[in-house]
PDB file of N, CA and C in Angstrom:
ATOM      1  N   MET A   1       0.821  -1.196   0.000  1.00  0.00           N
ATOM      2  CA  MET A   1       0.000   0.000   0.000  1.00  0.00           C
ATOM      3  C   MET A   1       0.869   1.266   0.000  1.00  0.00           C
ATOM      4  N   ALA A   2       1.932   1.263   0.793  1.00  0.00           N
ATOM      5  CA  ALA A   2       2.822   2.427   0.846  1.00  0.00           C
ATOM      6  C   ALA A   2       3.501   2.638  -0.502  1.00  0.00           C
ATOM      7  N   LYS A   3       3.861   1.541  -1.172  1.00  0.00           N
ATOM      8  CA  LYS A   3       4.491   1.633  -2.489  1.00  0.00           C
ATOM      9  C   LYS A   3       3.535   2.273  -3.494  1.00  0.00           C
ATOM     10  N   GLU A   4       2.253   1.901  -3.417  1.00  0.00           N
ATOM     11  CA  GLU A   4       1.240   2.460  -4.316  1.00  0.00           C
ATOM     12  C   GLU A   4       1.067   3.962  -4.070  1.00  0.00           C
ATOM     13  N   ARG A   5       1.070   4.378  -2.804  1.00  0.00           N
ATOM     14  CA  ARG A   5       0.944   5.809  -2.475  1.00  0.00           C
ATOM     15  C   ARG A   5       2.139   6.596  -2.982  1.00  0.00           C
ATOM     16  N   ASN A   6       3.361   6.035  -2.809  1.00  0.00           N
ATOM     17  CA  ASN A   6       4.554   6.713  -3.306  1.00  0.00           C
ATOM     18  C   ASN A   6       4.523   6.844  -4.818  1.00  0.00           C
ATOM     19  N   SER A   7       4.072   5.807  -5.500  1.00  0.00           N
ATOM     20  CA  SER A   7       3.947   5.848  -6.949  1.00  0.00           C
ATOM     21  C   SER A   7       2.939   6.916  -7.373  1.00  0.00           C
ATOM     22  N   SER A   8       1.843   6.994  -6.641  1.00  0.00           N
ATOM     23  CA  SER A   8       0.811   7.987  -6.930  1.00  0.00           C
ATOM     24  C   SER A   8       1.352   9.403  -6.726  1.00  0.00           C
ATOM     25  N   ARG A   9       2.081   9.612  -5.647  1.00  0.00           N
ATOM     26  CA  ARG A   9       2.668  10.946  -5.386  1.00  0.00           C
ATOM     27  C   ARG A   9       3.667  11.319  -6.469  1.00  0.00           C
ATOM     28  N   TRP A  10       4.484  10.338  -6.883  1.00  0.00           N
ATOM     29  CA  TRP A  10       5.454  10.582  -7.933  1.00  0.00           C
ATOM     30  C   TRP A  10       4.759  10.992  -9.219  1.00  0.00           C
ATOM     31  N   LYS A  11       3.685  10.292  -9.576  1.00  0.00           N
ATOM     32  CA  LYS A  11       2.932  10.622 -10.789  1.00  0.00           C
ATOM     33  C   LYS A  11       2.308  12.008 -10.695  1.00  0.00           C
ATOM     34  N   GLU A  12       1.780  12.371  -9.527  1.00  0.00           N
ATOM     35  CA  GLU A  12       1.217  13.711  -9.333  1.00  0.00           C
ATOM     36  C   GLU A  12       2.287  14.773  -9.524  1.00  0.00           C
ATOM     37  N   LEU A  13       3.477  14.547  -8.956  1.00  0.00           N
ATOM     38  CA  LEU A  13       4.584  15.483  -9.084  1.00  0.00           C
ATOM     39  C   LEU A  13       4.988  15.645 -10.545  1.00  0.00           C
ATOM     40  N   MET A  14       5.092  14.533 -11.274  1.00  0.00           N
ATOM     41  CA  MET A  14       5.457  14.600 -12.693  1.00  0.00           C
ATOM     42  C   MET A  14       4.396  15.344 -13.503  1.00  0.00           C
ATOM     43  N   ALA A  15       3.140  15.105 -13.180  1.00  0.00           N
ATOM     44  CA  ALA A  15       2.061  15.806 -13.881  1.00  0.00           C
ATOM     45  C   ALA A  15       2.170  17.309 -13.650  1.00  0.00           C
ATOM     46  N   ASP A  16       2.474  17.697 -12.413  1.00  0.00           N
ATOM     47  CA  ASP A  16       2.614  19.123 -12.105  1.00  0.00           C
ATOM     48  C   ASP A  16       3.832  19.742 -12.784  1.00  0.00           C
ATOM     49  N   ILE A  17       4.961  19.053 -12.739  1.00  0.00           N
ATOM     50  CA  ILE A  17       6.194  19.590 -13.330  1.00  0.00           C
ATOM     51  C   ILE A  17       6.043  19.789 -14.839  1.00  0.00           C
ATOM     52  N   PHE A  18       5.497  18.781 -15.508  1.00  0.00           N
ATOM     53  CA  PHE A  18       5.385  18.846 -16.967  1.00  0.00           C
ATOM     54  C   PHE A  18       4.038  19.387 -17.441  1.00  0.00           C
ATOM     55  N   GLU A  19       3.214  19.837 -16.485  1.00  0.00           N
ATOM     56  CA  GLU A  19       1.896  20.395 -16.791  1.00  0.00           C
ATOM     57  C   GLU A  19       1.078  19.456 -17.666  1.00  0.00           C
ATOM     58  N   LEU A  20       1.039  18.188 -17.253  1.00  0.00           N
ATOM     59  CA  LEU A  20       0.261  17.177 -17.957  1.00  0.00           C
ATOM     60  C   LEU A  20      -1.046  16.930 -17.211  1.00  0.00           C
ATOM     61  N   PRO A  21      -2.100  16.532 -17.914  1.00  0.00           N
ATOM     62  CA  PRO A  21      -3.375  16.248 -17.243  1.00  0.00           C
ATOM     63  C   PRO A  21      -3.236  15.066 -16.284  1.00  0.00           C
ATOM     64  N   ARG A  22      -3.702  15.250 -15.059  1.00  0.00           N
ATOM     65  CA  ARG A  22      -3.596  14.191 -14.045  1.00  0.00           C
ATOM     66  C   ARG A  22      -4.394  12.949 -14.425  1.00  0.00           C
ATOM     67  N   ASP A  23      -5.542  13.126 -15.080  1.00  0.00           N
ATOM     68  CA  ASP A  23      -6.341  11.954 -15.435  1.00  0.00           C
ATOM     69  C   ASP A  23      -5.578  11.025 -16.373  1.00  0.00           C
ATOM     70  N   VAL A  24      -4.750  11.585 -17.235  1.00  0.00           N
ATOM     71  CA  VAL A  24      -3.985  10.765 -18.171  1.00  0.00           C
ATOM     72  C   VAL A  24      -2.833  10.073 -17.444  1.00  0.00           C
ATOM     73  N   ILE A  25      -2.070  10.824 -16.667  1.00  0.00           N
ATOM     74  CA  ILE A  25      -0.900  10.289 -15.976  1.00  0.00           C
ATOM     75  C   ILE A  25      -1.298   9.257 -14.928  1.00  0.00           C
ATOM     76  N   MET A  26      -2.375   9.507 -14.191  1.00  0.00           N
ATOM     77  CA  MET A  26      -2.741   8.653 -13.065  1.00  0.00           C
ATOM     78  C   MET A  26      -3.858   7.673 -13.392  1.00  0.00           C
ATOM     79  N   ASN A  27      -4.276   7.622 -14.659  1.00  0.00           N
ATOM     80  CA  ASN A  27      -5.343   6.729 -15.109  1.00  0.00           C
ATOM     81  C   ASN A  27      -6.645   6.956 -14.333  1.00  0.00           C
ATOM     82  N   LEU A  28      -6.938   8.219 -14.041  1.00  0.00           N
ATOM     83  CA  LEU A  28      -8.169   8.577 -13.344  1.00  0.00           C
ATOM     84  C   LEU A  28      -9.331   8.607 -14.331  1.00  0.00           C
ATOM     85  N   PRO A  29     -10.542   8.364 -13.850  1.00  0.00           N
ATOM     86  CA  PRO A  29     -11.685   8.427 -14.762  1.00  0.00           C
ATOM     87  C   PRO A  29     -11.948   9.859 -15.208  1.00  0.00           C
ATOM     88  N   ARG A  30     -12.370   9.998 -16.446  1.00  0.00           N
ATOM     89  CA  ARG A  30     -12.800  11.295 -16.976  1.00  0.00           C
ATOM     90  C   ARG A  30     -14.262  11.143 -17.342  1.00  0.00           C
ATOM     91  N   ILE A  31     -15.087  12.036 -16.810  1.00  0.00           N
ATOM     92  CA  ILE A  31     -16.529  11.943 -17.015  1.00  0.00           C
ATOM     93  C   ILE A  31     -17.002  13.184 -17.763  1.00  0.00           C
ATOM     94  N   THR A  32     -17.699  12.956 -18.866  1.00  0.00           N
ATOM     95  CA  THR A  32     -18.333  14.030 -19.617  1.00  0.00           C
ATOM     96  C   THR A  32     -19.835  13.814 -19.513  1.00  0.00           C
ATOM     97  N   ILE A  33     -20.548  14.841 -19.054  1.00  0.00           N
ATOM     98  CA  ILE A  33     -21.999  14.748 -18.878  1.00  0.00           C
ATOM     99  C   ILE A  33     -22.667  15.738 -19.818  1.00  0.00           C
ATOM    100  N   VAL A  34     -23.658  15.270 -20.556  1.00  0.00           N
ATOM    101  CA  VAL A  34     -24.431  16.129 -21.446  1.00  0.00           C
ATOM    102  C   VAL A  34     -25.835  16.246 -20.834  1.00  0.00           C
ATOM    103  N   GLY A  35     -26.067  17.371 -20.158  1.00  0.00           N
ATOM    104  CA  GLY A  35     -27.349  17.571 -19.479  1.00  0.00           C
ATOM    105  C   GLY A  35     -27.624  16.432 -18.515  1.00  0.00           C
ATOM    106  N   ASN A  36     -28.849  15.953 -18.526  1.00  0.00           N
ATOM    107  CA  ASN A  36     -29.191  14.784 -17.710  1.00  0.00           C
ATOM    108  C   ASN A  36     -29.513  13.585 -18.603  1.00  0.00           C
ATOM    109  N   GLN A  37     -28.932  13.593 -19.831  1.00  0.00           N
ATOM    110  CA  GLN A  37     -29.287  12.573 -20.809  1.00  0.00           C
ATOM    111  C   GLN A  37     -28.151  11.651 -21.237  1.00  0.00           C
ATOM    112  N   LYS A  38     -26.903  12.083 -21.112  1.00  0.00           N
ATOM    113  CA  LYS A  38     -25.790  11.257 -21.584  1.00  0.00           C
ATOM    114  C   LYS A  38     -24.595  11.371 -20.645  1.00  0.00           C
ATOM    115  N   VAL A  39     -23.854  10.269 -20.539  1.00  0.00           N
ATOM    116  CA  VAL A  39     -22.602  10.242 -19.792  1.00  0.00           C
ATOM    117  C   VAL A  39     -21.575   9.497 -20.629  1.00  0.00           C
ATOM    118  N   LEU A  40     -20.395  10.076 -20.758  1.00  0.00           N
ATOM    119  CA  LEU A  40     -19.263   9.417 -21.389  1.00  0.00           C
ATOM    120  C   LEU A  40     -18.209   9.240 -20.306  1.00  0.00           C
ATOM    121  N   LEU A  41     -17.839   8.003 -20.017  1.00  0.00           N
ATOM    122  CA  LEU A  41     -16.857   7.702 -18.988  1.00  0.00           C
ATOM    123  C   LEU A  41     -15.628   7.083 -19.649  1.00  0.00           C
ATOM    124  N   GLU A  42     -14.478   7.720 -19.436  1.00  0.00           N
ATOM    125  CA  GLU A  42     -13.213   7.202 -19.941  1.00  0.00           C
ATOM    126  C   GLU A  42     -12.397   6.645 -18.780  1.00  0.00           C
ATOM    127  N   ASN A  43     -11.516   5.710 -19.051  1.00  0.00           N
ATOM    128  CA  ASN A  43     -10.647   5.069 -18.058  1.00  0.00           C
ATOM    129  C   ASN A  43     -11.450   4.266 -17.037  1.00  0.00           C
ATOM    130  N   HIS A  44     -12.296   3.392 -17.513  1.00  0.00           N
ATOM    131  CA  HIS A  44     -13.111   2.553 -16.632  1.00  0.00           C
ATOM    132  C   HIS A  44     -12.472   1.179 -16.466  1.00  0.00           C
ATOM    133  N   ARG A  45     -13.034   0.403 -15.553  1.00  0.00           N
ATOM    134  CA  ARG A  45     -12.556  -0.965 -15.309  1.00  0.00           C
ATOM    135  C   ARG A  45     -13.674  -1.987 -15.482  1.00  0.00           C
ATOM    136  N   GLY A  46     -14.702  -1.626 -16.222  1.00  0.00           N
ATOM    137  CA  GLY A  46     -15.765  -2.572 -16.534  1.00  0.00           C
ATOM    138  C   GLY A  46     -17.053  -2.328 -15.775  1.00  0.00           C
ATOM    139  N   ILE A  47     -18.121  -2.887 -16.314  1.00  0.00           N
ATOM    140  CA  ILE A  47     -19.445  -2.764 -15.694  1.00  0.00           C
ATOM    141  C   ILE A  47     -19.588  -3.836 -14.616  1.00  0.00           C
ATOM    142  N   ILE A  48     -20.027  -3.411 -13.438  1.00  0.00           N
ATOM    143  CA  ILE A  48     -20.224  -4.314 -12.309  1.00  0.00           C
ATOM    144  C   ILE A  48     -21.694  -4.741 -12.223  1.00  0.00           C
ATOM    145  N   HIS A  49     -22.594  -3.800 -12.459  1.00  0.00           N
ATOM    146  CA  HIS A  49     -24.036  -4.066 -12.392  1.00  0.00           C
ATOM    147  C   HIS A  49     -24.718  -3.169 -13.421  1.00  0.00           C
ATOM    148  N   TYR A  50     -25.750  -3.722 -14.067  1.00  0.00           N
ATOM    149  CA  TYR A  50     -26.438  -2.942 -15.099  1.00  0.00           C
ATOM    150  C   TYR A  50     -27.901  -3.326 -15.132  1.00  0.00           C
ATOM    151  N   ASP A  51     -28.786  -2.356 -14.896  1.00  0.00           N
ATOM    152  CA  ASP A  51     -30.214  -2.499 -15.187  1.00  0.00           C
ATOM    153  C   ASP A  51     -30.728  -1.125 -15.598  1.00  0.00           C
ATOM    154  N   CYS A  52     -32.007  -1.009 -15.877  1.00  0.00           N
ATOM    155  CA  CYS A  52     -32.533   0.244 -16.436  1.00  0.00           C
ATOM    156  C   CYS A  52     -32.580   1.386 -15.420  1.00  0.00           C
ATOM    157  N   ASP A  53     -32.371   1.091 -14.134  1.00  0.00           N
ATOM    158  CA  ASP A  53     -32.411   2.124 -13.096  1.00  0.00           C
ATOM    159  C   ASP A  53     -31.057   2.451 -12.476  1.00  0.00           C
ATOM    160  N   LYS A  54     -30.074   1.555 -12.623  1.00  0.00           N
ATOM    161  CA  LYS A  54     -28.781   1.769 -11.981  1.00  0.00           C
ATOM    162  C   LYS A  54     -27.683   1.057 -12.758  1.00  0.00           C
ATOM    163  N   ILE A  55     -26.550   1.764 -12.912  1.00  0.00           N
ATOM    164  CA  ILE A  55     -25.367   1.181 -13.530  1.00  0.00           C
ATOM    165  C   ILE A  55     -24.190   1.438 -12.597  1.00  0.00           C
ATOM    166  N   ARG A  56     -23.488   0.373 -12.228  1.00  0.00           N
ATOM    167  CA  ARG A  56     -22.288   0.467 -11.399  1.00  0.00           C
ATOM    168  C   ARG A  56     -21.088   0.116 -12.267  1.00  0.00           C
ATOM    169  N   ILE A  57     -20.101   1.021 -12.300  1.00  0.00           N
ATOM    170  CA  ILE A  57     -18.939   0.859 -13.161  1.00  0.00           C
ATOM    171  C   ILE A  57     -17.679   0.926 -12.308  1.00  0.00           C
ATOM    172  N   GLY A  58     -16.775  -0.023 -12.514  1.00  0.00           N
ATOM    173  CA  GLY A  58     -15.505  -0.011 -11.803  1.00  0.00           C
ATOM    174  C   GLY A  58     -14.598   1.084 -12.331  1.00  0.00           C
ATOM    175  N   ILE A  59     -13.983   1.809 -11.392  1.00  0.00           N
ATOM    176  CA  ILE A  59     -13.013   2.850 -11.730  1.00  0.00           C
ATOM    177  C   ILE A  59     -11.849   2.727 -10.748  1.00  0.00           C
ATOM    178  N   LYS A  60     -10.769   3.409 -11.011  1.00  0.00           N
ATOM    179  CA  LYS A  60      -9.624   3.367 -10.107  1.00  0.00           C
ATOM    180  C   LYS A  60     -10.071   3.858  -8.724  1.00  0.00           C
ATOM    181  N   GLY A  61      -9.878   3.043  -7.729  1.00  0.00           N
ATOM    182  CA  GLY A  61     -10.215   3.419  -6.365  1.00  0.00           C
ATOM    183  C   GLY A  61     -11.627   3.098  -5.939  1.00  0.00           C
ATOM    184  N   GLY A  62     -12.440   2.491  -6.794  1.00  0.00           N
ATOM    185  CA  GLY A  62     -13.804   2.156  -6.377  1.00  0.00           C
ATOM    186  C   GLY A  62     -14.779   1.987  -7.524  1.00  0.00           C
ATOM    187  N   GLU A  63     -15.944   2.622  -7.355  1.00  0.00           N
ATOM    188  CA  GLU A  63     -17.024   2.498  -8.335  1.00  0.00           C
ATOM    189  C   GLU A  63     -17.679   3.847  -8.595  1.00  0.00           C
ATOM    190  N   LEU A  64     -18.197   3.996  -9.797  1.00  0.00           N
ATOM    191  CA  LEU A  64     -19.072   5.107 -10.139  1.00  0.00           C
ATOM    192  C   LEU A  64     -20.468   4.514 -10.268  1.00  0.00           C
ATOM    193  N   ILE A  65     -21.425   5.094  -9.556  1.00  0.00           N
ATOM    194  CA  ILE A  65     -22.805   4.596  -9.595  1.00  0.00           C
ATOM    195  C   ILE A  65     -23.678   5.670 -10.237  1.00  0.00           C
ATOM    196  N   ILE A  66     -24.346   5.284 -11.311  1.00  0.00           N
ATOM    197  CA  ILE A  66     -25.237   6.177 -12.040  1.00  0.00           C
ATOM    198  C   ILE A  66     -26.656   5.664 -11.834  1.00  0.00           C
ATOM    199  N   SER A  67     -27.540   6.535 -11.353  1.00  0.00           N
ATOM    200  CA  SER A  67     -28.939   6.165 -11.130  1.00  0.00           C
ATOM    201  C   SER A  67     -29.834   7.014 -12.008  1.00  0.00           C
ATOM    202  N   GLY A  68     -30.959   6.435 -12.430  1.00  0.00           N
ATOM    203  CA  GLY A  68     -31.890   7.175 -13.267  1.00  0.00           C
ATOM    204  C   GLY A  68     -33.001   6.272 -13.778  1.00  0.00           C
ATOM    205  N   ARG A  69     -33.530   6.636 -14.938  1.00  0.00           N
ATOM    206  CA  ARG A  69     -34.591   5.853 -15.583  1.00  0.00           C
ATOM    207  C   ARG A  69     -34.198   5.586 -17.030  1.00  0.00           C
ATOM    208  N   ASP A  70     -34.620   4.433 -17.516  1.00  0.00           N
ATOM    209  CA  ASP A  70     -34.372   4.053 -18.915  1.00  0.00           C
ATOM    210  C   ASP A  70     -32.890   4.150 -19.289  1.00  0.00           C
ATOM    211  N   LEU A  71     -32.007   3.766 -18.369  1.00  0.00           N
ATOM    212  CA  LEU A  71     -30.574   3.830 -18.642  1.00  0.00           C
ATOM    213  C   LEU A  71     -30.182   2.720 -19.608  1.00  0.00           C
ATOM    214  N   GLN A  72     -29.339   3.068 -20.555  1.00  0.00           N
ATOM    215  CA  GLN A  72     -28.862   2.112 -21.553  1.00  0.00           C
ATOM    216  C   GLN A  72     -27.374   2.335 -21.790  1.00  0.00           C
ATOM    217  N   VAL A  73     -26.649   1.248 -21.921  1.00  0.00           N
ATOM    218  CA  VAL A  73     -25.256   1.348 -22.356  1.00  0.00           C
ATOM    219  C   VAL A  73     -25.304   1.423 -23.869  1.00  0.00           C
ATOM    220  N   GLN A  74     -25.012   2.594 -24.374  1.00  0.00           N
ATOM    221  CA  GLN A  74     -25.083   2.833 -25.809  1.00  0.00           C
ATOM    222  C   GLN A  74     -23.884   2.210 -26.527  1.00  0.00           C
ATOM    223  N   ARG A  75     -22.715   2.332 -25.891  1.00  0.00           N
ATOM    224  CA  ARG A  75     -21.491   1.790 -26.482  1.00  0.00           C
ATOM    225  C   ARG A  75     -20.512   1.495 -25.360  1.00  0.00           C
ATOM    226  N   ILE A  76     -19.800   0.379 -25.468  1.00  0.00           N
ATOM    227  CA  ILE A  76     -18.748   0.052 -24.507  1.00  0.00           C
ATOM    228  C   ILE A  76     -17.511  -0.367 -25.273  1.00  0.00           C
ATOM    229  N   MET A  77     -16.413   0.267 -24.915  1.00  0.00           N
ATOM    230  CA  MET A  77     -15.123  -0.034 -25.529  1.00  0.00           C
ATOM    231  C   MET A  77     -14.113  -0.241 -24.404  1.00  0.00           C
ATOM    232  N   VAL A  78     -12.906  -0.597 -24.765  1.00  0.00           N
ATOM    233  CA  VAL A  78     -11.874  -0.878 -23.764  1.00  0.00           C
ATOM    234  C   VAL A  78     -11.661   0.322 -22.845  1.00  0.00           C
ATOM    235  N   GLU A  79     -11.626   1.505 -23.385  1.00  0.00           N
ATOM    236  CA  GLU A  79     -11.320   2.700 -22.594  1.00  0.00           C
ATOM    237  C   GLU A  79     -12.532   3.566 -22.253  1.00  0.00           C
ATOM    238  N   GLU A  80     -13.654   3.390 -22.925  1.00  0.00           N
ATOM    239  CA  GLU A  80     -14.785   4.283 -22.652  1.00  0.00           C
ATOM    240  C   GLU A  80     -16.129   3.565 -22.706  1.00  0.00           C
ATOM    241  N   ILE A  81     -17.068   4.169 -21.982  1.00  0.00           N
ATOM    242  CA  ILE A  81     -18.455   3.687 -21.945  1.00  0.00           C
ATOM    243  C   ILE A  81     -19.359   4.891 -22.209  1.00  0.00           C
ATOM    244  N   HIS A  82     -20.354   4.709 -23.082  1.00  0.00           N
ATOM    245  CA  HIS A  82     -21.353   5.735 -23.360  1.00  0.00           C
ATOM    246  C   HIS A  82     -22.689   5.257 -22.794  1.00  0.00           C
ATOM    247  N   ILE A  83     -23.300   6.097 -21.972  1.00  0.00           N
ATOM    248  CA  ILE A  83     -24.578   5.757 -21.333  1.00  0.00           C
ATOM    249  C   ILE A  83     -25.587   6.835 -21.677  1.00  0.00           C
ATOM    250  N   LYS A  84     -26.827   6.409 -21.976  1.00  0.00           N
ATOM    251  CA  LYS A  84     -27.882   7.386 -22.217  1.00  0.00           C
ATOM    252  C   LYS A  84     -29.102   6.999 -21.397  1.00  0.00           C
ATOM    253  N   GLY A  85     -29.988   7.959 -21.204  1.00  0.00           N
ATOM    254  CA  GLY A  85     -31.200   7.772 -20.425  1.00  0.00           C
ATOM    255  C   GLY A  85     -31.465   9.032 -19.612  1.00  0.00           C
ATOM    256  N   PHE A  86     -32.375   8.938 -18.655  1.00  0.00           N
ATOM    257  CA  PHE A  86     -32.667  10.063 -17.769  1.00  0.00           C
ATOM    258  C   PHE A  86     -31.818   9.890 -16.514  1.00  0.00           C
ATOM    259  N   ILE A  87     -30.751  10.665 -16.403  1.00  0.00           N
ATOM    260  CA  ILE A  87     -29.797  10.523 -15.308  1.00  0.00           C
ATOM    261  C   ILE A  87     -30.238  11.402 -14.141  1.00  0.00           C
ATOM    262  N   GLN A  88     -30.466  10.772 -12.997  1.00  0.00           N
ATOM    263  CA  GLN A  88     -30.916  11.486 -11.805  1.00  0.00           C
ATOM    264  C   GLN A  88     -29.774  11.768 -10.837  1.00  0.00           C
ATOM    265  N   SER A  89     -28.804  10.851 -10.743  1.00  0.00           N
ATOM    266  CA  SER A  89     -27.679  11.088  -9.826  1.00  0.00           C
ATOM    267  C   SER A  89     -26.487  10.231 -10.217  1.00  0.00           C
ATOM    268  N   MET A  90     -25.333  10.695  -9.755  1.00  0.00           N
ATOM    269  CA  MET A  90     -24.082   9.946  -9.907  1.00  0.00           C
ATOM    270  C   MET A  90     -23.295  10.139  -8.631  1.00  0.00           C
ATOM    271  N   HIS A  91     -22.666   9.065  -8.152  1.00  0.00           N
ATOM    272  CA  HIS A  91     -21.787   9.204  -6.997  1.00  0.00           C
ATOM    273  C   HIS A  91     -20.699   8.143  -7.023  1.00  0.00           C
ATOM    274  N   PHE A  92     -19.654   8.394  -6.226  1.00  0.00           N
ATOM    275  CA  PHE A  92     -18.516   7.502  -6.139  1.00  0.00           C
ATOM    276  C   PHE A  92     -18.576   6.729  -4.832  1.00  0.00           C
ATOM    277  N   GLU A  93     -18.133   5.476  -4.878  1.00  0.00           N
ATOM    278  CA  GLU A  93     -17.975   4.666  -3.676  1.00  0.00           C
ATOM    279  C   GLU A  93     -16.614   4.011  -3.717  1.00  0.00           C
ATOM    280  N   GLU A  94     -15.983   3.916  -2.549  1.00  0.00           N
ATOM    281  CA  GLU A  94     -14.685   3.230  -2.463  1.00  0.00           C
ATOM    282  C   GLU A  94     -14.888   1.752  -2.328  1.00  0.00           C
TER     283      GLU A  94
END
């Protein structure tokens, strides 16, 4: 665990020194939201649970939970997931 924290700190320092985006250097999720109708999630670790009311997606450090109505995975690729529907909430869990 200590080794992982040191690696994370090193990556943060490098991102700051070279002015690089932290999400790219640290493999953090990037979320693009279009109103309450679409979500594009980059740097995911796969779908954990999926139904029309809730989608749980693995991300670095935990899960992203999207709740709503008529949720659909429009497209899933190695690095990104596109979700559409009526999005009511999103939150992170460790």
